Amino acid sequence: MKKQIKHFATVQMGYSFRSRLETSKDGEVAVIQMKDLQDDNIVSCIDLVKIDLNDIKEHHIAQKGDLIFRSRGLLATSAILNEDPGKAILAAPLLRIRVTKPEKVLPEYLNWYISQRDAQIFLTSRAKGTVQKMISKQTVEDLEVALPSLENQKQIVELAMLAAREQSLLQKLADKRNQYLSEVLMKVAKGERK
């Protein structure tokens, strides 16, 4: 069964700042920006910028389980907010996707699905702009998502996480091997080893 995102989640544009962000050490509101979205599609809350902002509306506040979608640039993927960021908003052009029907879809599954080939083809085919690609809120809402049972969604997410971990370990192993080989070859080149 496939359903459009708008049938089980809300999509909200990030807060549009009129000027450059004025950071404040004592600011009460954290701001999630593009730089906080990691390569593993998780939002890092470690270095969130703090600002002073009074007229913040409730619908702008991000919460654990929200997906933060990159609506501009080369990557049209999302990152999940796995921890409570406290009082935090996201800066435009980021979009917030919040699952409203958790009985139908897991946020982690939706986050995984958005980066898959079918979703990527749909999103990039509807991107606007020549130099800077932009994906609209409407396009994200119209994206059709295959919805297996919650149990199957959970298994898909777990397997995808294990596969990503395996890739990471294999990459580290390859890097260590190359480093070792380089050192051995350098010793041979310097005549320290035959």
C-alpha atoms as a PDB file:
ATOM      1  CA  MET A   1       0.000   0.000   0.000  1.00  0.00           C
ATOM      2  CA  LYS A   2       1.281   3.469  -0.926  1.00  0.00           C
ATOM      3  CA  LYS A   3       0.162   6.736   0.610  1.00  0.00           C
ATOM      4  CA  GLN A   4       1.220  10.337   0.104  1.00  0.00           C
ATOM      5  CA  ILE A   5       3.073  11.940   3.003  1.00  0.00           C
ATOM      6  CA  LYS A   6       0.279  14.506   3.485  1.00  0.00           C
ATOM      7  CA  HIS A   7      -2.050  11.668   4.598  1.00  0.00           C
ATOM      8  CA  PHE A   8       0.044  10.705   7.629  1.00  0.00           C
ATOM      9  CA  ALA A   9       2.360  13.654   8.356  1.00  0.00           C
ATOM     10  CA  THR A  10       2.485  17.444   8.344  1.00  0.00           C
ATOM     11  CA  VAL A  11       5.134  19.381   6.440  1.00  0.00           C
ATOM     12  CA  GLN A  12       6.126  22.792   7.817  1.00  0.00           C
ATOM     13  CA  MET A  13       8.533  25.352   6.368  1.00  0.00           C
ATOM     14  CA  GLY A  14      11.365  26.367   8.705  1.00  0.00           C
ATOM     15  CA  TYR A  15      11.441  29.783  10.334  1.00  0.00           C
ATOM     16  CA  SER A  16      12.375  32.525   7.897  1.00  0.00           C
ATOM     17  CA  PHE A  17      14.881  34.943   9.393  1.00  0.00           C
ATOM     18  CA  ARG A  18      14.841  38.462   7.945  1.00  0.00           C
ATOM     19  CA  SER A  19      18.575  38.905   8.416  1.00  0.00           C
ATOM     20  CA  ARG A  20      21.677  37.014   9.463  1.00  0.00           C
ATOM     21  CA  LEU A  21      21.332  34.954  12.660  1.00  0.00           C
ATOM     22  CA  GLU A  22      22.342  36.983  15.698  1.00  0.00           C
ATOM     23  CA  THR A  23      23.636  34.383  18.119  1.00  0.00           C
ATOM     24  CA  SER A  24      23.310  34.862  21.858  1.00  0.00           C
ATOM     25  CA  LYS A  25      25.141  32.842  24.508  1.00  0.00           C
ATOM     26  CA  ASP A  26      22.136  33.259  26.821  1.00  0.00           C
ATOM     27  CA  GLY A  27      19.564  32.749  24.055  1.00  0.00           C
ATOM     28  CA  GLU A  28      16.601  30.570  24.936  1.00  0.00           C
ATOM     29  CA  VAL A  29      15.883  29.238  21.449  1.00  0.00           C
ATOM     30  CA  ALA A  30      18.168  26.833  19.581  1.00  0.00           C
ATOM     31  CA  VAL A  31      18.258  26.892  15.776  1.00  0.00           C
ATOM     32  CA  ILE A  32      18.645  23.770  13.638  1.00  0.00           C
ATOM     33  CA  GLN A  33      20.486  24.617  10.421  1.00  0.00           C
ATOM     34  CA  MET A  34      21.691  22.672   7.386  1.00  0.00           C
ATOM     35  CA  LYS A  35      25.117  22.175   9.047  1.00  0.00           C
ATOM     36  CA  ASP A  36      23.448  20.212  11.880  1.00  0.00           C
ATOM     37  CA  LEU A  37      22.219  17.476   9.511  1.00  0.00           C
ATOM     38  CA  GLN A  38      24.817  14.698   9.483  1.00  0.00           C
ATOM     39  CA  ASP A  39      25.771  12.354   6.646  1.00  0.00           C
ATOM     40  CA  ASP A  40      24.087   9.453   8.468  1.00  0.00           C
ATOM     41  CA  ASN A  41      20.738  11.321   8.266  1.00  0.00           C
ATOM     42  CA  ILE A  42      20.598  12.147  11.955  1.00  0.00           C
ATOM     43  CA  VAL A  43      20.331  15.681  13.384  1.00  0.00           C
ATOM     44  CA  SER A  44      23.216  16.601  15.680  1.00  0.00           C
ATOM     45  CA  CYS A  45      22.099  18.797  18.577  1.00  0.00           C
ATOM     46  CA  ILE A  46      25.638  19.267  19.954  1.00  0.00           C
ATOM     47  CA  ASP A  47      26.458  22.620  18.322  1.00  0.00           C
ATOM     48  CA  LEU A  48      23.030  24.208  17.889  1.00  0.00           C
ATOM     49  CA  VAL A  49      23.252  27.999  17.754  1.00  0.00           C
ATOM     50  CA  LYS A  50      21.237  29.852  20.441  1.00  0.00           C
ATOM     51  CA  ILE A  51      19.309  33.036  19.720  1.00  0.00           C
ATOM     52  CA  ASP A  52      16.903  35.444  21.393  1.00  0.00           C
ATOM     53  CA  LEU A  53      13.485  35.162  19.784  1.00  0.00           C
ATOM     54  CA  ASN A  54      10.264  36.310  21.388  1.00  0.00           C
ATOM     55  CA  ASP A  55       7.514  35.875  18.800  1.00  0.00           C
ATOM     56  CA  ILE A  56       7.974  32.137  18.356  1.00  0.00           C
ATOM     57  CA  LYS A  57       4.820  30.203  17.524  1.00  0.00           C
ATOM     58  CA  GLU A  58       4.186  26.682  18.832  1.00  0.00           C
ATOM     59  CA  HIS A  59       4.076  25.156  15.319  1.00  0.00           C
ATOM     60  CA  HIS A  60       7.677  26.271  14.734  1.00  0.00           C
ATOM     61  CA  ILE A  61       9.046  24.268  17.691  1.00  0.00           C
ATOM     62  CA  ALA A  62      10.875  21.084  16.682  1.00  0.00           C
ATOM     63  CA  GLN A  63      10.548  17.914  18.728  1.00  0.00           C
ATOM     64  CA  LYS A  64      12.054  14.461  19.028  1.00  0.00           C
ATOM     65  CA  GLY A  65      10.939  12.242  16.113  1.00  0.00           C
ATOM     66  CA  ASP A  66      10.661  15.122  13.625  1.00  0.00           C
ATOM     67  CA  LEU A  67      12.360  14.757  10.255  1.00  0.00           C
ATOM     68  CA  ILE A  68      14.328  17.726   8.978  1.00  0.00           C
ATOM     69  CA  PHE A  69      14.262  17.806   5.160  1.00  0.00           C
ATOM     70  CA  ARG A  70      16.946  19.424   3.007  1.00  0.00           C
ATOM     71  CA  SER A  71      14.809  21.304   0.488  1.00  0.00           C
ATOM     72  CA  ARG A  72      17.778  23.002  -1.211  1.00  0.00           C
ATOM     73  CA  GLY A  73      21.071  21.818  -2.603  1.00  0.00           C
ATOM     74  CA  LEU A  74      22.409  18.575  -4.001  1.00  0.00           C
ATOM     75  CA  LEU A  75      20.883  16.264  -1.386  1.00  0.00           C
ATOM     76  CA  ALA A  76      17.118  15.897  -1.191  1.00  0.00           C
ATOM     77  CA  THR A  77      17.120  13.801   1.953  1.00  0.00           C
ATOM     78  CA  SER A  78      15.974  14.156   5.534  1.00  0.00           C
ATOM     79  CA  ALA A  79      17.582  13.694   8.938  1.00  0.00           C
ATOM     80  CA  ILE A  80      15.776  12.500  12.048  1.00  0.00           C
ATOM     81  CA  LEU A  81      15.785  14.290  15.365  1.00  0.00           C
ATOM     82  CA  ASN A  82      16.595  11.401  17.733  1.00  0.00           C
ATOM     83  CA  GLU A  83      16.923  13.540  20.842  1.00  0.00           C
ATOM     84  CA  ASP A  84      14.879  16.289  22.430  1.00  0.00           C
ATOM     85  CA  PRO A  85      16.486  19.554  21.264  1.00  0.00           C
ATOM     86  CA  GLY A  86      14.720  21.588  23.967  1.00  0.00           C
ATOM     87  CA  LYS A  87      13.141  24.795  22.679  1.00  0.00           C
ATOM     88  CA  ALA A  88      14.377  24.672  19.082  1.00  0.00           C
ATOM     89  CA  ILE A  89      13.243  25.823  15.675  1.00  0.00           C
ATOM     90  CA  LEU A  90      14.591  25.087  12.238  1.00  0.00           C
ATOM     91  CA  ALA A  91      15.791  27.709   9.831  1.00  0.00           C
ATOM     92  CA  ALA A  92      14.308  28.023   6.344  1.00  0.00           C
ATOM     93  CA  PRO A  93      14.799  26.562   3.735  1.00  0.00           C
ATOM     94  CA  LEU A  94      14.688  23.393   5.837  1.00  0.00           C
ATOM     95  CA  LEU A  95      11.311  21.676   6.092  1.00  0.00           C
ATOM     96  CA  ARG A  96      10.002  19.839   9.141  1.00  0.00           C
ATOM     97  CA  ILE A  97       8.093  16.600   8.556  1.00  0.00           C
ATOM     98  CA  ARG A  98       6.137  15.422  11.593  1.00  0.00           C
ATOM     99  CA  VAL A  99       4.365  12.062  11.566  1.00  0.00           C
ATOM    100  CA  THR A 100       0.774  12.562  12.746  1.00  0.00           C
ATOM    101  CA  LYS A 101      -0.303   8.920  12.424  1.00  0.00           C
ATOM    102  CA  PRO A 102       2.284   6.839  14.310  1.00  0.00           C
ATOM    103  CA  GLU A 103       0.002   3.823  13.972  1.00  0.00           C
ATOM    104  CA  LYS A 104       0.672   3.926  10.197  1.00  0.00           C
ATOM    105  CA  VAL A 105       4.344   4.910   9.898  1.00  0.00           C
ATOM    106  CA  LEU A 106       7.485   5.059  12.025  1.00  0.00           C
ATOM    107  CA  PRO A 107       9.471   8.330  11.686  1.00  0.00           C
ATOM    108  CA  GLU A 108      12.681   6.254  11.359  1.00  0.00           C
ATOM    109  CA  TYR A 109      11.161   4.306   8.460  1.00  0.00           C
ATOM    110  CA  LEU A 110      10.008   7.491   6.702  1.00  0.00           C
ATOM    111  CA  ASN A 111      13.509   8.943   7.157  1.00  0.00           C
ATOM    112  CA  TRP A 112      14.992   5.819   5.545  1.00  0.00           C
ATOM    113  CA  TYR A 113      12.398   5.764   2.750  1.00  0.00           C
ATOM    114  CA  ILE A 114      13.029   9.379   1.683  1.00  0.00           C
ATOM    115  CA  SER A 115      16.650   8.547   0.819  1.00  0.00           C
ATOM    116  CA  GLN A 116      15.730   5.489  -1.276  1.00  0.00           C
ATOM    117  CA  ARG A 117      15.868   5.428  -5.083  1.00  0.00           C
ATOM    118  CA  ASP A 118      12.094   5.636  -5.773  1.00  0.00           C
ATOM    119  CA  ALA A 119      11.662   8.663  -3.508  1.00  0.00           C
ATOM    120  CA  GLN A 120      14.810  10.330  -4.841  1.00  0.00           C
ATOM    121  CA  ILE A 121      13.663   9.961  -8.459  1.00  0.00           C
ATOM    122  CA  PHE A 122      10.306  11.549  -7.567  1.00  0.00           C
ATOM    123  CA  LEU A 123      11.851  14.426  -5.606  1.00  0.00           C
ATOM    124  CA  THR A 124      14.598  15.285  -8.098  1.00  0.00           C
ATOM    125  CA  SER A 125      12.169  15.116 -11.040  1.00  0.00           C
ATOM    126  CA  ARG A 126      10.134  17.888  -9.397  1.00  0.00           C
ATOM    127  CA  ALA A 127      13.035  20.047  -8.198  1.00  0.00           C
ATOM    128  CA  LYS A 128      12.943  23.631  -9.453  1.00  0.00           C
ATOM    129  CA  GLY A 129      15.878  25.868 -10.335  1.00  0.00           C
ATOM    130  CA  THR A 130      18.922  25.573 -12.545  1.00  0.00           C
ATOM    131  CA  VAL A 131      21.863  26.477 -10.303  1.00  0.00           C
ATOM    132  CA  GLN A 132      20.343  25.792  -6.887  1.00  0.00           C
ATOM    133  CA  LYS A 133      17.800  22.956  -6.869  1.00  0.00           C
ATOM    134  CA  MET A 134      14.754  23.581  -4.652  1.00  0.00           C
ATOM    135  CA  ILE A 135      12.091  21.089  -3.604  1.00  0.00           C
ATOM    136  CA  SER A 136       8.776  22.571  -2.546  1.00  0.00           C
ATOM    137  CA  LYS A 137       6.675  21.737   0.495  1.00  0.00           C
ATOM    138  CA  GLN A 138       3.945  20.561  -1.911  1.00  0.00           C
ATOM    139  CA  THR A 139       6.332  18.099  -3.598  1.00  0.00           C
ATOM    140  CA  VAL A 140       7.282  16.579  -0.232  1.00  0.00           C
ATOM    141  CA  GLU A 141       3.587  16.295   0.728  1.00  0.00           C
ATOM    142  CA  ASP A 142       2.841  14.548  -2.589  1.00  0.00           C
ATOM    143  CA  LEU A 143       5.608  11.950  -2.242  1.00  0.00           C
ATOM    144  CA  GLU A 144       4.068   8.466  -2.174  1.00  0.00           C
ATOM    145  CA  VAL A 145       5.519   6.137   0.443  1.00  0.00           C
ATOM    146  CA  ALA A 146       5.182   2.347   0.491  1.00  0.00           C
ATOM    147  CA  LEU A 147       3.735   1.454   3.890  1.00  0.00           C
ATOM    148  CA  PRO A 148       4.298  -2.123   5.038  1.00  0.00           C
ATOM    149  CA  SER A 149       3.192  -3.177   8.542  1.00  0.00           C
ATOM    150  CA  LEU A 150       4.817  -1.401  11.499  1.00  0.00           C
ATOM    151  CA  GLU A 151       6.652  -4.628  12.318  1.00  0.00           C
ATOM    152  CA  ASN A 152       8.126  -4.768   8.803  1.00  0.00           C
ATOM    153  CA  GLN A 153       8.997  -1.058   8.966  1.00  0.00           C
ATOM    154  CA  LYS A 154      10.886  -1.703  12.214  1.00  0.00           C
ATOM    155  CA  GLN A 155      12.776  -4.620  10.659  1.00  0.00           C
ATOM    156  CA  ILE A 156      13.690  -2.543   7.584  1.00  0.00           C
ATOM    157  CA  VAL A 157      15.051   0.248   9.788  1.00  0.00           C
ATOM    158  CA  GLU A 158      17.064  -2.189  11.936  1.00  0.00           C
ATOM    159  CA  LEU A 159      18.538  -3.936   8.892  1.00  0.00           C
ATOM    160  CA  ALA A 160      19.364  -0.604   7.218  1.00  0.00           C
ATOM    161  CA  MET A 161      21.147   0.538  10.399  1.00  0.00           C
ATOM    162  CA  LEU A 162      23.161  -2.689  10.551  1.00  0.00           C
ATOM    163  CA  ALA A 163      24.101  -2.367   6.864  1.00  0.00           C
ATOM    164  CA  ALA A 164      25.231   1.241   7.421  1.00  0.00           C
ATOM    165  CA  ARG A 165      27.290   0.163  10.446  1.00  0.00           C
ATOM    166  CA  GLU A 166      28.870  -2.625   8.381  1.00  0.00           C
ATOM    167  CA  GLN A 167      29.784  -0.132   5.614  1.00  0.00           C
ATOM    168  CA  SER A 168      31.337   2.185   8.170  1.00  0.00           C
ATOM    169  CA  LEU A 169      33.428  -0.634   9.696  1.00  0.00           C
ATOM    170  CA  LEU A 170      34.537  -1.873   6.263  1.00  0.00           C
ATOM    171  CA  GLN A 171      35.599   1.674   5.346  1.00  0.00           C
ATOM    172  CA  LYS A 172      37.594   2.028   8.579  1.00  0.00           C
ATOM    173  CA  LEU A 173      39.241  -1.350   7.931  1.00  0.00           C
ATOM    174  CA  ALA A 174      40.150  -0.345   4.354  1.00  0.00           C
ATOM    175  CA  ASP A 175      41.578   2.975   5.618  1.00  0.00           C
ATOM    176  CA  LYS A 176      43.718   1.214   8.265  1.00  0.00           C
ATOM    177  CA  ARG A 177      44.960  -1.309   5.676  1.00  0.00           C
ATOM    178  CA  ASN A 178      45.922   1.488   3.243  1.00  0.00           C
ATOM    179  CA  GLN A 179      47.697   3.375   6.033  1.00  0.00           C
ATOM    180  CA  TYR A 180      49.649   0.251   7.047  1.00  0.00           C
ATOM    181  CA  LEU A 181      50.552  -0.566   3.437  1.00  0.00           C
ATOM    182  CA  SER A 182      51.696   3.019   2.865  1.00  0.00           C
ATOM    183  CA  GLU A 183      53.996   2.867   5.901  1.00  0.00           C
ATOM    184  CA  VAL A 184      55.504  -0.476   4.800  1.00  0.00           C
ATOM    185  CA  LEU A 185      56.068   0.776   1.251  1.00  0.00           C
ATOM    186  CA  MET A 186      57.648   3.998   2.554  1.00  0.00           C
ATOM    187  CA  LYS A 187      60.083   1.947   4.672  1.00  0.00           C
ATOM    188  CA  VAL A 188      60.971  -0.116   1.571  1.00  0.00           C
ATOM    189  CA  ALA A 189      61.437   3.095  -0.444  1.00  0.00           C
ATOM    190  CA  LYS A 190      63.797   4.498   2.214  1.00  0.00           C
ATOM    191  CA  GLY A 191      65.762   1.233   2.288  1.00  0.00           C
ATOM    192  CA  GLU A 192      64.736   0.500   5.903  1.00  0.00           C
ATOM    193  CA  ARG A 193      63.120  -2.746   4.873  1.00  0.00           C
ATOM    194  CA  LYS A 194      63.702  -5.301   2.108  1.00  0.00           C
END
